[in-house]
Amino acid sequence: YAKAGAKVYDMDEATLKRWQVIARET
């Protein structure tokens, strides 16, 4: 994806935890 010109992002632990809070509730 980087070679094709897309911007590439990696998730950190803090962002994962934010998603996990939503996942637990839903």
mmCIF file of all heavy atoms, coordinates in Angstrom:
data_MODEL
# 
_entry.id   MODEL 
# 
loop_
_atom_site.group_PDB 
_atom_site.id 
_atom_site.type_symbol 
_atom_site.label_atom_id 
_atom_site.label_alt_id 
_atom_site.label_comp_id 
_atom_site.label_asym_id 
_atom_site.label_entity_id 
_atom_site.label_seq_id 
_atom_site.pdbx_PDB_ins_code 
_atom_site.Cartn_x 
_atom_site.Cartn_y 
_atom_site.Cartn_z 
_atom_site.occupancy 
_atom_site.B_iso_or_equiv 
_atom_site.pdbx_formal_charge 
_atom_site.auth_seq_id 
_atom_site.auth_comp_id 
_atom_site.auth_asym_id 
_atom_site.auth_atom_id 
_atom_site.pdbx_PDB_model_num 
ATOM 1   N N   . TYR A 1 1  ? 0.832   -1.210 0.000  1.00 0.00 ? 1  TYR A N   1 
ATOM 2   C CA  . TYR A 1 1  ? 0.000   0.000  0.000  1.00 0.00 ? 1  TYR A CA  1 
ATOM 3   C C   . TYR A 1 1  ? 0.868   1.262  0.000  1.00 0.00 ? 1  TYR A C   1 
ATOM 4   O O   . TYR A 1 1  ? 0.563   2.241  -0.688 1.00 0.00 ? 1  TYR A O   1 
ATOM 5   C CB  . TYR A 1 1  ? -0.979  -0.019 1.170  1.00 0.00 ? 1  TYR A CB  1 
ATOM 6   C CG  . TYR A 1 1  ? -2.191  -0.882 0.880  1.00 0.00 ? 1  TYR A CG  1 
ATOM 7   C CD1 . TYR A 1 1  ? -2.068  -2.268 0.743  1.00 0.00 ? 1  TYR A CD1 1 
ATOM 8   C CD2 . TYR A 1 1  ? -3.453  -0.328 0.687  1.00 0.00 ? 1  TYR A CD2 1 
ATOM 9   C CE1 . TYR A 1 1  ? -3.148  -3.065 0.430  1.00 0.00 ? 1  TYR A CE1 1 
ATOM 10  C CE2 . TYR A 1 1  ? -4.549  -1.122 0.383  1.00 0.00 ? 1  TYR A CE2 1 
ATOM 11  C CZ  . TYR A 1 1  ? -4.392  -2.488 0.252  1.00 0.00 ? 1  TYR A CZ  1 
ATOM 12  O OH  . TYR A 1 1  ? -5.471  -3.278 -0.067 1.00 0.00 ? 1  TYR A OH  1 
ATOM 13  N N   . ALA A 1 2  ? 1.971   1.223  0.747  1.00 0.00 ? 2  ALA A N   1 
ATOM 14  C CA  . ALA A 1 2  ? 2.874   2.374  0.774  1.00 0.00 ? 2  ALA A CA  1 
ATOM 15  C C   . ALA A 1 2  ? 3.470   2.601  -0.623 1.00 0.00 ? 2  ALA A C   1 
ATOM 16  O O   . ALA A 1 2  ? 3.547   3.735  -1.110 1.00 0.00 ? 2  ALA A O   1 
ATOM 17  C CB  . ALA A 1 2  ? 3.979   2.141  1.794  1.00 0.00 ? 2  ALA A CB  1 
ATOM 18  N N   . LYS A 1 3  ? 3.850   1.491  -1.266 1.00 0.00 ? 3  LYS A N   1 
ATOM 19  C CA  . LYS A 1 3  ? 4.433   1.574  -2.610 1.00 0.00 ? 3  LYS A CA  1 
ATOM 20  C C   . LYS A 1 3  ? 3.422   2.119  -3.622 1.00 0.00 ? 3  LYS A C   1 
ATOM 21  O O   . LYS A 1 3  ? 3.774   2.814  -4.579 1.00 0.00 ? 3  LYS A O   1 
ATOM 22  C CB  . LYS A 1 3  ? 4.913   0.184  -3.038 1.00 0.00 ? 3  LYS A CB  1 
ATOM 23  C CG  . LYS A 1 3  ? 5.812   0.190  -4.260 1.00 0.00 ? 3  LYS A CG  1 
ATOM 24  C CD  . LYS A 1 3  ? 6.347   -1.208 -4.548 1.00 0.00 ? 3  LYS A CD  1 
ATOM 25  C CE  . LYS A 1 3  ? 7.146   -1.222 -5.840 1.00 0.00 ? 3  LYS A CE  1 
ATOM 26  N NZ  . LYS A 1 3  ? 7.569   -2.586 -6.197 1.00 0.00 ? 3  LYS A NZ  1 
ATOM 27  N N   . ALA A 1 4  ? 2.128   1.811  -3.400 1.00 0.00 ? 4  ALA A N   1 
ATOM 28  C CA  . ALA A 1 4  ? 1.067   2.275  -4.305 1.00 0.00 ? 4  ALA A CA  1 
ATOM 29  C C   . ALA A 1 4  ? 0.674   3.735  -4.029 1.00 0.00 ? 4  ALA A C   1 
ATOM 30  O O   . ALA A 1 4  ? -0.181  4.299  -4.721 1.00 0.00 ? 4  ALA A O   1 
ATOM 31  C CB  . ALA A 1 4  ? -0.154  1.372  -4.181 1.00 0.00 ? 4  ALA A CB  1 
ATOM 32  N N   . GLY A 1 5  ? 1.267   4.323  -2.985 1.00 0.00 ? 5  GLY A N   1 
ATOM 33  C CA  . GLY A 1 5  ? 1.008   5.732  -2.681 1.00 0.00 ? 5  GLY A CA  1 
ATOM 34  C C   . GLY A 1 5  ? 0.037   5.991  -1.553 1.00 0.00 ? 5  GLY A C   1 
ATOM 35  O O   . GLY A 1 5  ? -0.300  7.140  -1.256 1.00 0.00 ? 5  GLY A O   1 
ATOM 36  N N   . ALA A 1 6  ? -0.431  4.917  -0.892 1.00 0.00 ? 6  ALA A N   1 
ATOM 37  C CA  . ALA A 1 6  ? -1.362  5.093  0.235  1.00 0.00 ? 6  ALA A CA  1 
ATOM 38  C C   . ALA A 1 6  ? -0.586  5.494  1.490  1.00 0.00 ? 6  ALA A C   1 
ATOM 39  O O   . ALA A 1 6  ? 0.596   5.162  1.636  1.00 0.00 ? 6  ALA A O   1 
ATOM 40  C CB  . ALA A 1 6  ? -2.130  3.805  0.480  1.00 0.00 ? 6  ALA A CB  1 
ATOM 41  N N   . LYS A 1 7  ? -1.268  6.182  2.386  1.00 0.00 ? 7  LYS A N   1 
ATOM 42  C CA  . LYS A 1 7  ? -0.671  6.494  3.687  1.00 0.00 ? 7  LYS A CA  1 
ATOM 43  C C   . LYS A 1 7  ? -0.949  5.317  4.620  1.00 0.00 ? 7  LYS A C   1 
ATOM 44  O O   . LYS A 1 7  ? -2.073  4.808  4.659  1.00 0.00 ? 7  LYS A O   1 
ATOM 45  C CB  . LYS A 1 7  ? -1.253  7.798  4.247  1.00 0.00 ? 7  LYS A CB  1 
ATOM 46  C CG  . LYS A 1 7  ? -0.785  9.016  3.477  1.00 0.00 ? 7  LYS A CG  1 
ATOM 47  C CD  . LYS A 1 7  ? -1.292  10.309 4.084  1.00 0.00 ? 7  LYS A CD  1 
ATOM 48  C CE  . LYS A 1 7  ? -0.762  11.504 3.309  1.00 0.00 ? 7  LYS A CE  1 
ATOM 49  N NZ  . LYS A 1 7  ? -1.388  12.759 3.744  1.00 0.00 ? 7  LYS A NZ  1 
ATOM 50  N N   . VAL A 1 8  ? 0.066   4.902  5.350  1.00 0.00 ? 8  VAL A N   1 
ATOM 51  C CA  . VAL A 1 8  ? -0.032  3.698  6.181  1.00 0.00 ? 8  VAL A CA  1 
ATOM 52  C C   . VAL A 1 8  ? 0.065   4.076  7.655  1.00 0.00 ? 8  VAL A C   1 
ATOM 53  O O   . VAL A 1 8  ? 0.927   4.869  8.055  1.00 0.00 ? 8  VAL A O   1 
ATOM 54  C CB  . VAL A 1 8  ? 1.090   2.694  5.804  1.00 0.00 ? 8  VAL A CB  1 
ATOM 55  C CG1 . VAL A 1 8  ? 1.079   1.491  6.734  1.00 0.00 ? 8  VAL A CG1 1 
ATOM 56  C CG2 . VAL A 1 8  ? 0.925   2.239  4.348  1.00 0.00 ? 8  VAL A CG2 1 
ATOM 57  N N   . TYR A 1 9  ? -0.829  3.502  8.468  1.00 0.00 ? 9  TYR A N   1 
ATOM 58  C CA  . TYR A 1 9  ? -0.900  3.817  9.893  1.00 0.00 ? 9  TYR A CA  1 
ATOM 59  C C   . TYR A 1 9  ? -0.845  2.522  10.717 1.00 0.00 ? 9  TYR A C   1 
ATOM 60  O O   . TYR A 1 9  ? -1.369  1.499  10.294 1.00 0.00 ? 9  TYR A O   1 
ATOM 61  C CB  . TYR A 1 9  ? -2.216  4.537  10.228 1.00 0.00 ? 9  TYR A CB  1 
ATOM 62  C CG  . TYR A 1 9  ? -2.565  5.673  9.294  1.00 0.00 ? 9  TYR A CG  1 
ATOM 63  C CD1 . TYR A 1 9  ? -3.198  5.411  8.070  1.00 0.00 ? 9  TYR A CD1 1 
ATOM 64  C CD2 . TYR A 1 9  ? -2.265  7.000  9.619  1.00 0.00 ? 9  TYR A CD2 1 
ATOM 65  C CE1 . TYR A 1 9  ? -3.517  6.440  7.188  1.00 0.00 ? 9  TYR A CE1 1 
ATOM 66  C CE2 . TYR A 1 9  ? -2.585  8.042  8.737  1.00 0.00 ? 9  TYR A CE2 1 
ATOM 67  C CZ  . TYR A 1 9  ? -3.212  7.751  7.527  1.00 0.00 ? 9  TYR A CZ  1 
ATOM 68  O OH  . TYR A 1 9  ? -3.521  8.761  6.660  1.00 0.00 ? 9  TYR A OH  1 
ATOM 69  N N   . ASP A 1 10 ? -0.228  2.592  11.889 1.00 0.00 ? 10 ASP A N   1 
ATOM 70  C CA  . ASP A 1 10 ? -0.227  1.476  12.834 1.00 0.00 ? 10 ASP A CA  1 
ATOM 71  C C   . ASP A 1 10 ? -0.964  1.895  14.093 1.00 0.00 ? 10 ASP A C   1 
ATOM 72  O O   . ASP A 1 10 ? -0.866  3.042  14.533 1.00 0.00 ? 10 ASP A O   1 
ATOM 73  C CB  . ASP A 1 10 ? 1.211   1.071  13.190 1.00 0.00 ? 10 ASP A CB  1 
ATOM 74  C CG  . ASP A 1 10 ? 1.946   0.468  12.008 1.00 0.00 ? 10 ASP A CG  1 
ATOM 75  O OD1 . ASP A 1 10 ? 1.395   -0.451 11.370 1.00 0.00 ? 10 ASP A OD1 1 
ATOM 76  O OD2 . ASP A 1 10 ? 3.067   0.927  11.709 1.00 0.00 ? 10 ASP A OD2 1 
ATOM 77  N N   . MET A 1 11 ? -1.686  0.951  14.670 1.00 0.00 ? 11 MET A N   1 
ATOM 78  C CA  . MET A 1 11 ? -2.458  1.230  15.879 1.00 0.00 ? 11 MET A CA  1 
ATOM 79  C C   . MET A 1 11 ? -1.587  1.040  17.119 1.00 0.00 ? 11 MET A C   1 
ATOM 80  O O   . MET A 1 11 ? -0.791  0.099  17.171 1.00 0.00 ? 11 MET A O   1 
ATOM 81  C CB  . MET A 1 11 ? -3.668  0.277  15.939 1.00 0.00 ? 11 MET A CB  1 
ATOM 82  C CG  . MET A 1 11 ? -4.660  0.626  17.020 1.00 0.00 ? 11 MET A CG  1 
ATOM 83  S SD  . MET A 1 11 ? -6.143  -0.424 16.920 1.00 0.00 ? 11 MET A SD  1 
ATOM 84  C CE  . MET A 1 11 ? -6.889  0.200  15.421 1.00 0.00 ? 11 MET A CE  1 
ATOM 85  N N   . ASP A 1 12 ? -1.746  1.916  18.100 1.00 0.00 ? 12 ASP A N   1 
ATOM 86  C CA  . ASP A 1 12 ? -1.017  1.731  19.360 1.00 0.00 ? 12 ASP A CA  1 
ATOM 87  C C   . ASP A 1 12 ? -1.945  1.159  20.429 1.00 0.00 ? 12 ASP A C   1 
ATOM 88  O O   . ASP A 1 12 ? -3.156  1.018  20.221 1.00 0.00 ? 12 ASP A O   1 
ATOM 89  C CB  . ASP A 1 12 ? -0.366  3.049  19.833 1.00 0.00 ? 12 ASP A CB  1 
ATOM 90  C CG  . ASP A 1 12 ? -1.381  4.172  20.050 1.00 0.00 ? 12 ASP A CG  1 
ATOM 91  O OD1 . ASP A 1 12 ? -2.577  3.879  20.268 1.00 0.00 ? 12 ASP A OD1 1 
ATOM 92  O OD2 . ASP A 1 12 ? -0.980  5.352  19.987 1.00 0.00 ? 12 ASP A OD2 1 
ATOM 93  N N   . GLU A 1 13 ? -1.375  0.821  21.556 1.00 0.00 ? 13 GLU A N   1 
ATOM 94  C CA  . GLU A 1 13 ? -2.121  0.174  22.643 1.00 0.00 ? 13 GLU A CA  1 
ATOM 95  C C   . GLU A 1 13 ? -3.270  1.048  23.155 1.00 0.00 ? 13 GLU A C   1 
ATOM 96  O O   . GLU A 1 13 ? -4.371  0.560  23.421 1.00 0.00 ? 13 GLU A O   1 
ATOM 97  C CB  . GLU A 1 13 ? -1.155  -0.146 23.802 1.00 0.00 ? 13 GLU A CB  1 
ATOM 98  C CG  . GLU A 1 13 ? -1.776  -0.920 24.959 1.00 0.00 ? 13 GLU A CG  1 
ATOM 99  C CD  . GLU A 1 13 ? -2.111  -2.360 24.629 1.00 0.00 ? 13 GLU A CD  1 
ATOM 100 O OE1 . GLU A 1 13 ? -1.457  -2.968 23.771 1.00 0.00 ? 13 GLU A OE1 1 
ATOM 101 O OE2 . GLU A 1 13 ? -3.059  -2.886 25.253 1.00 0.00 ? 13 GLU A OE2 1 
ATOM 102 N N   . ALA A 1 14 ? -3.025  2.348  23.266 1.00 0.00 ? 14 ALA A N   1 
ATOM 103 C CA  . ALA A 1 14 ? -4.045  3.264  23.791 1.00 0.00 ? 14 ALA A CA  1 
ATOM 104 C C   . ALA A 1 14 ? -5.267  3.319  22.867 1.00 0.00 ? 14 ALA A C   1 
ATOM 105 O O   . ALA A 1 14 ? -6.416  3.314  23.344 1.00 0.00 ? 14 ALA A O   1 
ATOM 106 C CB  . ALA A 1 14 ? -3.451  4.662  23.964 1.00 0.00 ? 14 ALA A CB  1 
ATOM 107 N N   . THR A 1 15 ? -5.028  3.346  21.545 1.00 0.00 ? 15 THR A N   1 
ATOM 108 C CA  . THR A 1 15 ? -6.136  3.373  20.590 1.00 0.00 ? 15 THR A CA  1 
ATOM 109 C C   . THR A 1 15 ? -6.904  2.054  20.618 1.00 0.00 ? 15 THR A C   1 
ATOM 110 O O   . THR A 1 15 ? -8.137  2.038  20.568 1.00 0.00 ? 15 THR A O   1 
ATOM 111 C CB  . THR A 1 15 ? -5.611  3.645  19.161 1.00 0.00 ? 15 THR A CB  1 
ATOM 112 O OG1 . THR A 1 15 ? -4.860  4.860  19.174 1.00 0.00 ? 15 THR A OG1 1 
ATOM 113 C CG2 . THR A 1 15 ? -6.741  3.771  18.164 1.00 0.00 ? 15 THR A CG2 1 
ATOM 114 N N   . LEU A 1 16 ? -6.166  0.947  20.727 1.00 0.00 ? 16 LEU A N   1 
ATOM 115 C CA  . LEU A 1 16 ? -6.810  -0.372 20.827 1.00 0.00 ? 16 LEU A CA  1 
ATOM 116 C C   . LEU A 1 16 ? -7.733  -0.428 22.047 1.00 0.00 ? 16 LEU A C   1 
ATOM 117 O O   . LEU A 1 16 ? -8.857  -0.926 21.966 1.00 0.00 ? 16 LEU A O   1 
ATOM 118 C CB  . LEU A 1 16 ? -5.741  -1.465 20.915 1.00 0.00 ? 16 LEU A CB  1 
ATOM 119 C CG  . LEU A 1 16 ? -6.246  -2.894 21.150 1.00 0.00 ? 16 LEU A CG  1 
ATOM 120 C CD1 . LEU A 1 16 ? -7.198  -3.349 20.062 1.00 0.00 ? 16 LEU A CD1 1 
ATOM 121 C CD2 . LEU A 1 16 ? -5.073  -3.865 21.263 1.00 0.00 ? 16 LEU A CD2 1 
ATOM 122 N N   . LYS A 1 17 ? -7.264  0.106  23.167 1.00 0.00 ? 17 LYS A N   1 
ATOM 123 C CA  . LYS A 1 17 ? -8.067  0.104  24.400 1.00 0.00 ? 17 LYS A CA  1 
ATOM 124 C C   . LYS A 1 17 ? -9.364  0.910  24.215 1.00 0.00 ? 17 LYS A C   1 
ATOM 125 O O   . LYS A 1 17 ? -10.421 0.532  24.723 1.00 0.00 ? 17 LYS A O   1 
ATOM 126 C CB  . LYS A 1 17 ? -7.264  0.692  25.568 1.00 0.00 ? 17 LYS A CB  1 
ATOM 127 C CG  . LYS A 1 17 ? -6.088  -0.157 25.998 1.00 0.00 ? 17 LYS A CG  1 
ATOM 128 C CD  . LYS A 1 17 ? -6.541  -1.334 26.836 1.00 0.00 ? 17 LYS A CD  1 
ATOM 129 C CE  . LYS A 1 17 ? -5.344  -2.063 27.427 1.00 0.00 ? 17 LYS A CE  1 
ATOM 130 N NZ  . LYS A 1 17 ? -5.565  -3.518 27.502 1.00 0.00 ? 17 LYS A NZ  1 
ATOM 131 N N   . ARG A 1 18 ? -9.293  2.020  23.478 1.00 0.00 ? 18 ARG A N   1 
ATOM 132 C CA  . ARG A 1 18 ? -10.491 2.831  23.228 1.00 0.00 ? 18 ARG A CA  1 
ATOM 133 C C   . ARG A 1 18 ? -11.530 2.024  22.452 1.00 0.00 ? 18 ARG A C   1 
ATOM 134 O O   . ARG A 1 18 ? -12.723 2.068  22.766 1.00 0.00 ? 18 ARG A O   1 
ATOM 135 C CB  . ARG A 1 18 ? -10.126 4.103  22.457 1.00 0.00 ? 18 ARG A CB  1 
ATOM 136 C CG  . ARG A 1 18 ? -9.398  5.151  23.282 1.00 0.00 ? 18 ARG A CG  1 
ATOM 137 C CD  . ARG A 1 18 ? -9.154  6.402  22.458 1.00 0.00 ? 18 ARG A CD  1 
ATOM 138 N NE  . ARG A 1 18 ? -10.412 7.068  22.096 1.00 0.00 ? 18 ARG A NE  1 
ATOM 139 C CZ  . ARG A 1 18 ? -10.524 8.015  21.154 1.00 0.00 ? 18 ARG A CZ  1 
ATOM 140 N NH1 . ARG A 1 18 ? -9.448  8.396  20.473 1.00 0.00 ? 18 ARG A NH1 1 
ATOM 141 N NH2 . ARG A 1 18 ? -11.686 8.564  20.881 1.00 0.00 ? 18 ARG A NH2 1 
ATOM 142 N N   . TRP A 1 19 ? -11.057 1.300  21.437 1.00 0.00 ? 19 TRP A N   1 
ATOM 143 C CA  . TRP A 1 19 ? -11.972 0.457  20.663 1.00 0.00 ? 19 TRP A CA  1 
ATOM 144 C C   . TRP A 1 19 ? -12.525 -0.678 21.539 1.00 0.00 ? 19 TRP A C   1 
ATOM 145 O O   . TRP A 1 19 ? -13.693 -1.055 21.418 1.00 0.00 ? 19 TRP A O   1 
ATOM 146 C CB  . TRP A 1 19 ? -11.250 -0.132 19.450 1.00 0.00 ? 19 TRP A CB  1 
ATOM 147 C CG  . TRP A 1 19 ? -11.083 0.802  18.295 1.00 0.00 ? 19 TRP A CG  1 
ATOM 148 C CD1 . TRP A 1 19 ? -9.926  1.381  17.857 1.00 0.00 ? 19 TRP A CD1 1 
ATOM 149 C CD2 . TRP A 1 19 ? -12.117 1.267  17.400 1.00 0.00 ? 19 TRP A CD2 1 
ATOM 150 N NE1 . TRP A 1 19 ? -10.169 2.176  16.754 1.00 0.00 ? 19 TRP A NE1 1 
ATOM 151 C CE2 . TRP A 1 19 ? -11.499 2.119  16.445 1.00 0.00 ? 19 TRP A CE2 1 
ATOM 152 C CE3 . TRP A 1 19 ? -13.490 1.053  17.314 1.00 0.00 ? 19 TRP A CE3 1 
ATOM 153 C CZ2 . TRP A 1 19 ? -12.205 2.746  15.420 1.00 0.00 ? 19 TRP A CZ2 1 
ATOM 154 C CZ3 . TRP A 1 19 ? -14.195 1.674  16.278 1.00 0.00 ? 19 TRP A CZ3 1 
ATOM 155 C CH2 . TRP A 1 19 ? -13.558 2.508  15.366 1.00 0.00 ? 19 TRP A CH2 1 
ATOM 156 N N   . GLN A 1 20 ? -11.687 -1.213 22.403 1.00 0.00 ? 20 GLN A N   1 
ATOM 157 C CA  . GLN A 1 20 ? -12.112 -2.336 23.251 1.00 0.00 ? 20 GLN A CA  1 
ATOM 158 C C   . GLN A 1 20 ? -13.227 -1.925 24.210 1.00 0.00 ? 20 GLN A C   1 
ATOM 159 O O   . GLN A 1 20 ? -14.149 -2.701 24.463 1.00 0.00 ? 20 GLN A O   1 
ATOM 160 C CB  . GLN A 1 20 ? -10.918 -2.892 24.031 1.00 0.00 ? 20 GLN A CB  1 
ATOM 161 C CG  . GLN A 1 20 ? -11.206 -4.252 24.664 1.00 0.00 ? 20 GLN A CG  1 
ATOM 162 C CD  . GLN A 1 20 ? -9.978  -4.861 25.294 1.00 0.00 ? 20 GLN A CD  1 
ATOM 163 O OE1 . GLN A 1 20 ? -9.335  -4.237 26.146 1.00 0.00 ? 20 GLN A OE1 1 
ATOM 164 N NE2 . GLN A 1 20 ? -9.636  -6.067 24.888 1.00 0.00 ? 20 GLN A NE2 1 
ATOM 165 N N   . VAL A 1 21 ? -13.150 -0.700 24.705 1.00 0.00 ? 21 VAL A N   1 
ATOM 166 C CA  . VAL A 1 21 ? -14.217 -0.188 25.591 1.00 0.00 ? 21 VAL A CA  1 
ATOM 167 C C   . VAL A 1 21 ? -15.557 -0.192 24.847 1.00 0.00 ? 21 VAL A C   1 
ATOM 168 O O   . VAL A 1 21 ? -16.580 -0.625 25.380 1.00 0.00 ? 21 VAL A O   1 
ATOM 169 C CB  . VAL A 1 21 ? -13.874 1.244  26.088 1.00 0.00 ? 21 VAL A CB  1 
ATOM 170 C CG1 . VAL A 1 21 ? -15.088 1.896  26.749 1.00 0.00 ? 21 VAL A CG1 1 
ATOM 171 C CG2 . VAL A 1 21 ? -12.705 1.189  27.079 1.00 0.00 ? 21 VAL A CG2 1 
ATOM 172 N N   . ILE A 1 22 ? -15.551 0.287  23.598 1.00 0.00 ? 22 ILE A N   1 
ATOM 173 C CA  . ILE A 1 22 ? -16.781 0.307  22.786 1.00 0.00 ? 22 ILE A CA  1 
ATOM 174 C C   . ILE A 1 22 ? -17.250 -1.120 22.498 1.00 0.00 ? 22 ILE A C   1 
ATOM 175 O O   . ILE A 1 22 ? -18.451 -1.415 22.557 1.00 0.00 ? 22 ILE A O   1 
ATOM 176 C CB  . ILE A 1 22 ? -16.549 1.065  21.456 1.00 0.00 ? 22 ILE A CB  1 
ATOM 177 C CG1 . ILE A 1 22 ? -16.130 2.517  21.731 1.00 0.00 ? 22 ILE A CG1 1 
ATOM 178 C CG2 . ILE A 1 22 ? -17.814 1.046  20.592 1.00 0.00 ? 22 ILE A CG2 1 
ATOM 179 C CD1 . ILE A 1 22 ? -15.694 3.284  20.483 1.00 0.00 ? 22 ILE A CD1 1 
ATOM 180 N N   . ALA A 1 23 ? -16.300 -2.007 22.207 1.00 0.00 ? 23 ALA A N   1 
ATOM 181 C CA  . ALA A 1 23 ? -16.645 -3.401 21.895 1.00 0.00 ? 23 ALA A CA  1 
ATOM 182 C C   . ALA A 1 23 ? -17.328 -4.084 23.085 1.00 0.00 ? 23 ALA A C   1 
ATOM 183 O O   . ALA A 1 23 ? -18.307 -4.818 22.921 1.00 0.00 ? 23 ALA A O   1 
ATOM 184 C CB  . ALA A 1 23 ? -15.386 -4.166 21.503 1.00 0.00 ? 23 ALA A CB  1 
ATOM 185 N N   . ARG A 1 24 ? -16.803 -3.861 24.274 1.00 0.00 ? 24 ARG A N   1 
ATOM 186 C CA  . ARG A 1 24 ? -17.389 -4.461 25.486 1.00 0.00 ? 24 ARG A CA  1 
ATOM 187 C C   . ARG A 1 24 ? -18.846 -4.026 25.687 1.00 0.00 ? 24 ARG A C   1 
ATOM 188 O O   . ARG A 1 24 ? -19.700 -4.827 26.029 1.00 0.00 ? 24 ARG A O   1 
ATOM 189 C CB  . ARG A 1 24 ? -16.595 -4.034 26.727 1.00 0.00 ? 24 ARG A CB  1 
ATOM 190 C CG  . ARG A 1 24 ? -15.327 -4.799 26.981 1.00 0.00 ? 24 ARG A CG  1 
ATOM 191 C CD  . ARG A 1 24 ? -14.639 -4.278 28.246 1.00 0.00 ? 24 ARG A CD  1 
ATOM 192 N NE  . ARG A 1 24 ? -13.326 -4.833 28.405 1.00 0.00 ? 24 ARG A NE  1 
ATOM 193 C CZ  . ARG A 1 24 ? -13.051 -6.004 28.962 1.00 0.00 ? 24 ARG A CZ  1 
ATOM 194 N NH1 . ARG A 1 24 ? -14.039 -6.755 29.420 1.00 0.00 ? 24 ARG A NH1 1 
ATOM 195 N NH2 . ARG A 1 24 ? -11.815 -6.440 29.071 1.00 0.00 ? 24 ARG A NH2 1 
ATOM 196 N N   . GLU A 1 25 ? -19.088 -2.734 25.447 1.00 0.00 ? 25 GLU A N   1 
ATOM 197 C CA  . GLU A 1 25 ? -20.419 -2.173 25.698 1.00 0.00 ? 25 GLU A CA  1 
ATOM 198 C C   . GLU A 1 25 ? -21.443 -2.581 24.644 1.00 0.00 ? 25 GLU A C   1 
ATOM 199 O O   . GLU A 1 25 ? -22.642 -2.567 24.892 1.00 0.00 ? 25 GLU A O   1 
ATOM 200 C CB  . GLU A 1 25 ? -20.334 -0.631 25.727 1.00 0.00 ? 25 GLU A CB  1 
ATOM 201 C CG  . GLU A 1 25 ? -19.522 -0.068 26.881 1.00 0.00 ? 25 GLU A CG  1 
ATOM 202 C CD  . GLU A 1 25 ? -19.212 1.416  26.697 1.00 0.00 ? 25 GLU A CD  1 
ATOM 203 O OE1 . GLU A 1 25 ? -19.506 1.957  25.596 1.00 0.00 ? 25 GLU A OE1 1 
ATOM 204 O OE2 . GLU A 1 25 ? -18.667 2.023  27.639 1.00 0.00 ? 25 GLU A OE2 1 
ATOM 205 N N   . THR A 1 26 ? -20.960 -2.928 23.459 1.00 0.00 ? 26 THR A N   1 
ATOM 206 C CA  . THR A 1 26 ? -21.860 -3.230 22.346 1.00 0.00 ? 26 THR A CA  1 
ATOM 207 C C   . THR A 1 26 ? -21.815 -4.710 21.964 1.00 0.00 ? 26 THR A C   1 
ATOM 208 O O   . THR A 1 26 ? -22.650 -5.498 22.380 1.00 0.00 ? 26 THR A O   1 
ATOM 209 C CB  . THR A 1 26 ? -21.500 -2.356 21.122 1.00 0.00 ? 26 THR A CB  1 
ATOM 210 O OG1 . THR A 1 26 ? -20.114 -2.548 20.783 1.00 0.00 ? 26 THR A OG1 1 
ATOM 211 C CG2 . THR A 1 26 ? -21.764 -0.893 21.403 1.00 0.00 ? 26 THR A CG2 1 
# 
